[in-house]
């Protein structure tokens, strides 16, 4: 059934890692992580990486590939993940994507344009031209260098006009061409999206229990070790749930009990955001995790076999 890739998604603490592990064992598969924090080395407890015995029994990819100071984005993730998925297929095994980062998953499946950092100076210059000569004049410039792109943008839409001209001036490539490349860069595999759903109260209880376990396993020492290495508290990964609050504790700004409660509260908020994102995704097969992990595993395998027959 080459070509079908189960994509197990859902909010944090909903059981994705365990279900992915079980399905991988049943299907002779390998896990491809879709987590924006588990890619970083030295950040194990606070990111809830899969247990070591999972990783020893089943190959896990895109974990521990970067230091926290190294930049990363969804476009790079999509490229790396596709390479990994191709290599797993070549080995005759089943790739299983597991994670809660909706943007990474969408980039993997739908494609994403290369990340082009904005140029504030160039943008300001283009805006000044529009203020002096009018938005239609700026749109006319775009029409000369990127006719297809100009047709897709209203002459009154200054923001998109400026962005399209910015791309052209920085890269000498048409914005419309990059957009078309994104459309043509959709994944070659067939994604089987499987969403995990828990009753809200039980999900929050699972989050609270996970935070308690993180504290017992040494989250404070993990964060202290990162800071002792000279990492800035302002780094993006260190401002994520769990790390930011413990840094505040280590600075003496809050006590440990308050830090723990803040982690729980912020993680619950993040889980709500994840659920909102995934509810907007098309084609998700939702599993009720109240029925138990064994039933969830059975349903995933059945969905995978059914998808393979269709493909």
Foldseek 3Di string as FASTA:
>chain_A
DPQEEEAEEAAPLLCQLVLLLVLCVVQVAAEEEPEPQQLAPLCDLVRPDPDPVSCVVHPYPSGHNHHLVDDDDLQVLLVVSLVVQVVRVVVVGHYYYTYLDLSNVCCNAQNDFPDDDFDVVQLVVLVVCCVVPNLLVLLVVLCVLAVVQSVVDDSPPNVSSSVQVRCCVVPVDGPVVSVVVSRVPGRSGHYQAEYEDEDLVVSLVSLLVSLVVSVVVPLLVSLVVCVVVVDDCPRPSCCDQSNNLSVCCVVVNDPPVVSSVVSSVRSSVSSVVSVVSVVPDPNYHYDYCVVDSVVVSVVVVVSSVVVVVVD
